[in-house]
Amino acid sequence: MEFPRDGGNEGPIVIANEFADVVVRKVETRNGVRLELWSPRRGTCVRYDAVALDALSYQEPEFITDLLSRTPGA
């Protein structure tokens, strides 16, 4: 399997619909590269490393549905 290459885009990616908007960008930290997810509406931000993203990639759809059913901050 061939891995996709970084397209070299410097700017963030904005993903939005009528329910949410998220700004995604790759950031360099002292501990390596992270994927940063920022929610302007909520004012929250989280950074994930490769291990965390890999763990998300093999979750069943029901796990994500369960996460979405929770009240944020509760």
Protein backbone atom coordinates (compact mmCIF):
# COMPACT_ATOMS: atom_id res chain seq x y z
CA MET A 1 0.00 0.00 0.00
CA GLU A 2 1.40 3.39 -0.95
CA PHE A 3 1.02 6.20 1.56
CA PRO A 4 -0.39 9.54 0.41
CA ARG A 5 2.15 12.34 0.39
CA ASP A 6 1.76 15.70 2.11
CA GLY A 7 0.54 18.15 -0.51
CA GLY A 8 2.52 20.93 1.11
CA ASN A 9 -0.52 23.04 1.97
CA GLU A 10 0.36 25.47 4.72
CA GLY A 11 -3.11 26.72 5.61
CA PRO A 12 -5.73 25.11 7.82
CA ILE A 13 -8.66 23.05 6.57
CA VAL A 14 -12.15 24.17 7.61
CA ILE A 15 -14.85 21.50 7.76
CA ALA A 16 -18.33 22.82 8.48
CA ASN A 17 -22.04 22.17 8.18
CA GLU A 18 -25.15 23.58 9.86
CA PHE A 19 -24.33 21.81 13.15
CA ALA A 20 -20.61 22.41 13.64
CA ASP A 21 -17.45 23.89 12.21
CA VAL A 22 -13.93 22.64 12.87
CA VAL A 23 -10.54 24.00 11.86
CA VAL A 24 -7.95 21.26 11.24
CA ARG A 25 -4.23 21.87 10.90
CA LYS A 26 -0.93 20.07 11.24
CA VAL A 27 1.28 21.51 13.98
CA GLU A 28 4.87 20.86 14.99
CA THR A 29 5.41 20.43 18.74
CA ARG A 30 8.45 19.57 20.86
CA ASN A 31 7.08 16.01 20.92
CA GLY A 32 6.53 15.70 17.16
CA VAL A 33 3.79 16.40 14.64
CA ARG A 34 0.19 16.62 15.86
CA LEU A 35 -3.18 17.08 14.19
CA GLU A 36 -4.94 20.01 15.84
CA LEU A 37 -8.74 20.19 15.88
CA TRP A 38 -10.22 23.55 16.92
CA SER A 39 -13.91 24.25 17.38
CA PRO A 40 -14.48 28.03 17.04
CA ARG A 41 -18.11 27.74 18.22
CA ARG A 42 -17.11 25.99 21.45
CA GLY A 43 -13.70 27.57 21.85
CA THR A 44 -12.13 24.14 22.41
CA CYS A 45 -9.00 22.66 20.91
CA VAL A 46 -7.30 19.26 21.02
CA ARG A 47 -4.14 17.84 19.46
CA TYR A 48 -3.75 14.19 18.47
CA ASP A 49 -0.56 12.29 17.72
CA ALA A 50 -0.26 9.43 15.24
CA VAL A 51 -1.05 6.77 17.87
CA ALA A 52 -4.31 8.48 18.89
CA LEU A 53 -5.36 8.94 15.26
CA ASP A 54 -4.54 5.33 14.48
CA ALA A 55 -6.73 4.21 17.41
CA LEU A 56 -9.62 6.28 16.03
CA SER A 57 -9.22 4.69 12.61
CA TYR A 58 -10.18 1.20 13.79
CA GLN A 59 -13.18 2.11 15.93
CA GLU A 60 -16.59 0.74 15.06
CA PRO A 61 -19.16 3.30 13.85
CA GLU A 62 -21.23 2.60 16.99
CA PHE A 63 -18.40 4.00 19.13
CA ILE A 64 -18.57 7.33 17.29
CA THR A 65 -22.38 7.31 17.54
CA ASP A 66 -22.03 6.86 21.32
CA LEU A 67 -19.64 9.81 21.50
CA LEU A 68 -22.07 11.99 19.57
CA SER A 69 -24.94 11.10 21.91
CA ARG A 70 -23.08 12.55 24.93
CA THR A 71 -23.50 16.12 26.10
CA PRO A 72 -20.17 17.98 25.70
CA GLY A 73 -18.74 19.14 29.01
CA ALA A 74 -21.08 16.95 31.06
